[in-house]
C-alpha atoms as a PDB file:
ATOM      1  CA  MET A   1      13.950  55.145 126.821  1.00  0.00           C
ATOM      2  CA  HIS A   2      13.475  51.805 125.077  1.00  0.00           C
ATOM      3  CA  LYS A   3      14.185  48.355 126.465  1.00  0.00           C
ATOM      4  CA  LEU A   4      17.004  46.730 124.522  1.00  0.00           C
ATOM      5  CA  GLN A   5      17.968  43.099 124.298  1.00  0.00           C
ATOM      6  CA  LEU A   6      21.415  42.513 122.829  1.00  0.00           C
ATOM      7  CA  VAL A   7      22.067  38.988 121.586  1.00  0.00           C
ATOM      8  CA  PRO A   8      25.781  38.293 120.966  1.00  0.00           C
ATOM      9  CA  GLU A   9      26.828  35.033 119.332  1.00  0.00           C
ATOM     10  CA  CYS A  10      30.135  34.222 121.026  1.00  0.00           C
ATOM     11  CA  TYR A  11      31.976  34.625 124.313  1.00  0.00           C
ATOM     12  CA  ALA A  12      34.251  37.434 123.105  1.00  0.00           C
ATOM     13  CA  GLU A  13      31.290  39.381 121.713  1.00  0.00           C
ATOM     14  CA  THR A  14      29.359  38.811 124.941  1.00  0.00           C
ATOM     15  CA  ALA A  15      32.265  40.210 126.966  1.00  0.00           C
ATOM     16  CA  MET A  16      32.526  43.199 124.631  1.00  0.00           C
ATOM     17  CA  VAL A  17      28.797  43.899 124.817  1.00  0.00           C
ATOM     18  CA  LYS A  18      28.905  43.701 128.619  1.00  0.00           C
ATOM     19  CA  GLU A  19      31.750  46.194 128.736  1.00  0.00           C
ATOM     20  CA  LEU A  20      30.133  48.601 126.295  1.00  0.00           C
ATOM     21  CA  PHE A  21      26.492  48.409 127.403  1.00  0.00           C
ATOM     22  CA  LEU A  22      25.915  46.610 130.683  1.00  0.00           C
ATOM     23  CA  ASP A  23      24.414  49.695 132.288  1.00  0.00           C
ATOM     24  CA  PHE A  24      21.228  49.705 130.248  1.00  0.00           C
ATOM     25  CA  VAL A  25      20.625  46.616 128.120  1.00  0.00           C
ATOM     26  CA  TYR A  26      19.568  43.042 128.675  1.00  0.00           C
ATOM     27  CA  ILE A  27      22.237  40.706 127.325  1.00  0.00           C
ATOM     28  CA  ASN A  28      21.149  37.287 126.107  1.00  0.00           C
ATOM     29  CA  HIS A  29      24.182  35.213 125.030  1.00  0.00           C
ATOM     30  CA  ALA A  30      23.317  32.822 122.199  1.00  0.00           C
ATOM     31  CA  TYR A  31      26.088  30.515 121.062  1.00  0.00           C
ATOM     32  CA  GLY A  32      26.237  30.757 117.292  1.00  0.00           C
ATOM     33  CA  ILE A  33      24.617  32.820 114.594  1.00  0.00           C
ATOM     34  CA  GLY A  34      21.787  30.289 114.155  1.00  0.00           C
ATOM     35  CA  LYS A  35      20.755  30.667 117.800  1.00  0.00           C
ATOM     36  CA  VAL A  36      20.895  34.467 117.507  1.00  0.00           C
ATOM     37  CA  CYS A  37      18.492  34.243 114.560  1.00  0.00           C
ATOM     38  CA  SER A  38      16.206  31.865 116.487  1.00  0.00           C
ATOM     39  CA  ILE A  39      15.930  34.366 119.336  1.00  0.00           C
ATOM     40  CA  LEU A  40      15.248  37.263 116.969  1.00  0.00           C
ATOM     41  CA  LYS A  41      12.448  35.284 115.264  1.00  0.00           C
ATOM     42  CA  LYS A  42      10.585  34.632 118.530  1.00  0.00           C
ATOM     43  CA  GLU A  43       7.363  36.496 119.155  1.00  0.00           C
ATOM     44  CA  ASP A  44       7.942  36.676 122.923  1.00  0.00           C
ATOM     45  CA  VAL A  45      10.834  39.133 122.515  1.00  0.00           C
ATOM     46  CA  ARG A  46       8.671  41.827 120.922  1.00  0.00           C
ATOM     47  CA  ASP A  47       8.662  43.913 124.122  1.00  0.00           C
ATOM     48  CA  TYR A  48      12.299  44.735 123.354  1.00  0.00           C
ATOM     49  CA  ILE A  49      14.263  46.312 120.592  1.00  0.00           C
ATOM     50  CA  ASN A  50      16.395  43.285 119.745  1.00  0.00           C
ATOM     51  CA  ILE A  51      19.925  43.636 118.444  1.00  0.00           C
ATOM     52  CA  GLY A  52      21.790  40.545 117.270  1.00  0.00           C
ATOM     53  CA  PHE A  53      25.559  40.912 117.361  1.00  0.00           C
ATOM     54  CA  VAL A  54      27.173  38.517 114.896  1.00  0.00           C
ATOM     55  CA  ASP A  55      30.190  37.837 112.704  1.00  0.00           C
ATOM     56  CA  ASN A  56      29.909  37.964 108.931  1.00  0.00           C
ATOM     57  CA  ASP A  57      30.225  34.201 108.658  1.00  0.00           C
ATOM     58  CA  LYS A  58      30.866  32.333 105.441  1.00  0.00           C
ATOM     59  CA  HIS A  59      27.422  30.749 105.717  1.00  0.00           C
ATOM     60  CA  LEU A  60      24.884  33.297 106.891  1.00  0.00           C
ATOM     61  CA  PRO A  61      21.392  31.995 107.662  1.00  0.00           C
ATOM     62  CA  PRO A  62      18.860  32.936 104.944  1.00  0.00           C
ATOM     63  CA  TYR A  63      16.819  34.726 107.633  1.00  0.00           C
ATOM     64  CA  LEU A  64      19.383  37.551 107.595  1.00  0.00           C
ATOM     65  CA  ASP A  65      18.770  38.179 103.875  1.00  0.00           C
ATOM     66  CA  SER A  66      15.622  40.102 104.791  1.00  0.00           C
ATOM     67  CA  TYR A  67      17.556  42.656 106.855  1.00  0.00           C
ATOM     68  CA  GLU A  68      18.198  46.007 105.192  1.00  0.00           C
ATOM     69  CA  GLU A  69      21.484  47.836 105.607  1.00  0.00           C
ATOM     70  CA  LEU A  70      21.217  51.157 107.447  1.00  0.00           C
ATOM     71  CA  GLY A  71      24.903  51.997 107.702  1.00  0.00           C
ATOM     72  CA  ARG A  72      28.458  50.768 107.860  1.00  0.00           C
ATOM     73  CA  ALA A  73      31.821  51.887 109.200  1.00  0.00           C
ATOM     74  CA  ASN A  74      35.198  50.303 109.867  1.00  0.00           C
ATOM     75  CA  ASN A  75      34.262  46.636 109.414  1.00  0.00           C
ATOM     76  CA  VAL A  76      30.820  46.974 111.048  1.00  0.00           C
ATOM     77  CA  VAL A  77      27.456  46.776 109.278  1.00  0.00           C
ATOM     78  CA  PHE A  78      24.198  47.914 110.891  1.00  0.00           C
ATOM     79  CA  LYS A  79      20.971  46.323 109.568  1.00  0.00           C
ATOM     80  CA  LYS A  80      17.259  46.341 110.403  1.00  0.00           C
ATOM     81  CA  HIS A  81      14.500  43.845 109.776  1.00  0.00           C
ATOM     82  CA  PRO A  82      11.855  45.609 107.639  1.00  0.00           C
ATOM     83  CA  HIS A  83       8.843  44.419 109.695  1.00  0.00           C
ATOM     84  CA  THR A  84      10.086  44.272 113.299  1.00  0.00           C
ATOM     85  CA  ASN A  85      12.216  46.175 115.790  1.00  0.00           C
ATOM     86  CA  ASP A  86      15.053  43.715 115.235  1.00  0.00           C
ATOM     87  CA  TYR A  87      18.512  44.879 114.251  1.00  0.00           C
ATOM     88  CA  ILE A  88      21.814  43.217 113.427  1.00  0.00           C
ATOM     89  CA  ILE A  89      25.264  44.568 114.137  1.00  0.00           C
ATOM     90  CA  MET A  90      27.627  42.492 112.025  1.00  0.00           C
ATOM     91  CA  VAL A  91      31.391  42.654 112.361  1.00  0.00           C
ATOM     92  CA  ASN A  92      33.332  41.782 109.244  1.00  0.00           C
ATOM     93  CA  PRO A  93      34.852  39.279 108.836  1.00  0.00           C
ATOM     94  CA  ALA A  94      34.850  38.156 112.500  1.00  0.00           C
ATOM     95  CA  ILE A  95      35.316  39.470 116.019  1.00  0.00           C
ATOM     96  CA  GLU A  96      39.029  38.600 116.186  1.00  0.00           C
ATOM     97  CA  LYS A  97      40.021  40.645 113.136  1.00  0.00           C
ATOM     98  CA  PHE A  98      37.629  43.399 114.136  1.00  0.00           C
ATOM     99  CA  LEU A  99      39.225  43.730 117.576  1.00  0.00           C
ATOM    100  CA  LEU A 100      42.703  43.676 116.066  1.00  0.00           C
ATOM    101  CA  SER A 101      41.736  46.495 113.687  1.00  0.00           C
ATOM    102  CA  GLN A 102      40.412  48.507 116.613  1.00  0.00           C
ATOM    103  CA  LEU A 103      43.580  47.907 118.633  1.00  0.00           C
ATOM    104  CA  ASN A 104      45.629  48.997 115.629  1.00  0.00           C
ATOM    105  CA  GLU A 105      43.723  52.304 115.552  1.00  0.00           C
ATOM    106  CA  ILE A 106      44.730  53.050 119.136  1.00  0.00           C
ATOM    107  CA  GLU A 107      48.277  51.794 118.505  1.00  0.00           C
ATOM    108  CA  LYS A 108      48.015  48.818 120.847  1.00  0.00           C
ATOM    109  CA  SER A 109      48.509  45.095 120.386  1.00  0.00           C
ATOM    110  CA  PRO A 110      47.086  42.026 122.143  1.00  0.00           C
ATOM    111  CA  SER A 111      50.333  41.522 124.064  1.00  0.00           C
ATOM    112  CA  ASP A 112      49.683  44.856 125.815  1.00  0.00           C
ATOM    113  CA  TYR A 113      46.832  42.983 127.498  1.00  0.00           C
ATOM    114  CA  ASP A 114      48.472  39.624 128.223  1.00  0.00           C
ATOM    115  CA  LEU A 115      46.978  38.124 125.069  1.00  0.00           C
ATOM    116  CA  PRO A 116      48.896  36.440 122.235  1.00  0.00           C
ATOM    117  CA  ASP A 117      49.961  38.556 119.250  1.00  0.00           C
ATOM    118  CA  ASP A 118      49.935  35.482 116.997  1.00  0.00           C
ATOM    119  CA  PHE A 119      46.575  35.595 115.175  1.00  0.00           C
ATOM    120  CA  LYS A 120      45.790  31.873 115.450  1.00  0.00           C
ATOM    121  CA  GLU A 121      46.538  31.871 119.182  1.00  0.00           C
ATOM    122  CA  PHE A 122      44.573  35.096 119.677  1.00  0.00           C
ATOM    123  CA  LYS A 123      41.609  33.636 117.790  1.00  0.00           C
ATOM    124  CA  HIS A 124      41.760  30.420 119.821  1.00  0.00           C
ATOM    125  CA  LYS A 125      41.885  32.365 123.091  1.00  0.00           C
ATOM    126  CA  LEU A 126      38.837  34.425 122.120  1.00  0.00           C
ATOM    127  CA  LYS A 127      36.843  31.254 121.388  1.00  0.00           C
ATOM    128  CA  THR A 128      37.097  30.022 124.991  1.00  0.00           C
ATOM    129  CA  GLN A 129      34.437  30.707 127.588  1.00  0.00           C
ATOM    130  CA  SER A 130      37.129  31.857 130.020  1.00  0.00           C
ATOM    131  CA  ILE A 131      37.865  34.921 127.837  1.00  0.00           C
ATOM    132  CA  GLN A 132      34.964  36.683 129.560  1.00  0.00           C
ATOM    133  CA  ASN A 133      36.920  36.626 132.826  1.00  0.00           C
ATOM    134  CA  HIS A 134      40.404  37.281 131.424  1.00  0.00           C
ATOM    135  CA  SER A 135      41.636  40.433 133.185  1.00  0.00           C
ATOM    136  CA  GLY A 136      43.748  41.524 130.203  1.00  0.00           C
ATOM    137  CA  PHE A 137      40.825  41.104 127.806  1.00  0.00           C
ATOM    138  CA  LYS A 138      38.622  43.170 130.120  1.00  0.00           C
ATOM    139  CA  ARG A 139      41.303  45.885 130.245  1.00  0.00           C
ATOM    140  CA  MET A 140      41.539  45.817 126.456  1.00  0.00           C
ATOM    141  CA  LEU A 141      37.766  46.259 126.121  1.00  0.00           C
ATOM    142  CA  THR A 142      37.834  49.120 128.636  1.00  0.00           C
ATOM    143  CA  ASP A 143      40.611  50.822 126.680  1.00  0.00           C
ATOM    144  CA  LEU A 144      38.687  50.371 123.429  1.00  0.00           C
ATOM    145  CA  LYS A 145      35.526  51.757 125.027  1.00  0.00           C
ATOM    146  CA  ASN A 146      37.393  54.788 126.372  1.00  0.00           C
ATOM    147  CA  SER A 147      39.457  55.401 123.213  1.00  0.00           C
ATOM    148  CA  ARG A 148      36.518  54.865 120.851  1.00  0.00           C
ATOM    149  CA  PRO A 149      38.209  53.800 117.621  1.00  0.00           C
ATOM    150  CA  ASP A 150      35.906  54.071 114.594  1.00  0.00           C
ATOM    151  CA  GLY A 151      34.262  50.637 114.727  1.00  0.00           C
ATOM    152  CA  ILE A 152      33.647  50.714 118.478  1.00  0.00           C
ATOM    153  CA  ARG A 153      32.306  54.280 118.227  1.00  0.00           C
ATOM    154  CA  PHE A 154      29.943  53.206 115.429  1.00  0.00           C
ATOM    155  CA  ILE A 155      28.582  50.335 117.553  1.00  0.00           C
ATOM    156  CA  ILE A 156      28.165  52.526 120.646  1.00  0.00           C
ATOM    157  CA  ASP A 157      26.461  55.276 118.651  1.00  0.00           C
ATOM    158  CA  LYS A 158      23.979  52.890 117.001  1.00  0.00           C
ATOM    159  CA  VAL A 159      23.005  51.164 120.244  1.00  0.00           C
ATOM    160  CA  ASN A 160      22.708  54.507 122.083  1.00  0.00           C
ATOM    161  CA  PHE A 161      20.506  55.839 119.276  1.00  0.00           C
ATOM    162  CA  LEU A 162      18.166  52.852 119.560  1.00  0.00           C
ATOM    163  CA  GLN A 163      18.109  53.188 123.324  1.00  0.00           C
ATOM    164  CA  ASN A 164      17.159  56.849 123.300  1.00  0.00           C
ATOM    165  CA  ASN A 165      14.894  57.283 120.252  1.00  0.00           C
END
């Protein structure tokens, strides 16, 4: 079994990663895609299989250009650096729309979890640090983990594969 370090770029992604994988990975929150890339570039993280978890931002750092696509499903792209054990899981276009698409698959909405249905309000709520402790958000993530819509299943399967092979 390999040691994994998962490096999410925002509070909502950190909460999701904790819900999906807390049992067996080291989670290193890095605020912003640039900081995720900085961590992945470091030599002192080579004892781990490193997985950056990022949004497909409008302005991706050039460092990510070297990553090769290994697969994609339901707004998620899985990439690997050609010379290291570093991977990227990229949600497209961003975590808010990704989570909404996953909720749609299980026929739920944010309001089922005491979150706003209005996209701008939902997006704003997910940008706050307090989202990690929001009981409704945690319930939503638990439901997504248990229901395994396509994008969540893809993420779980890829991380489990890296953990066990």
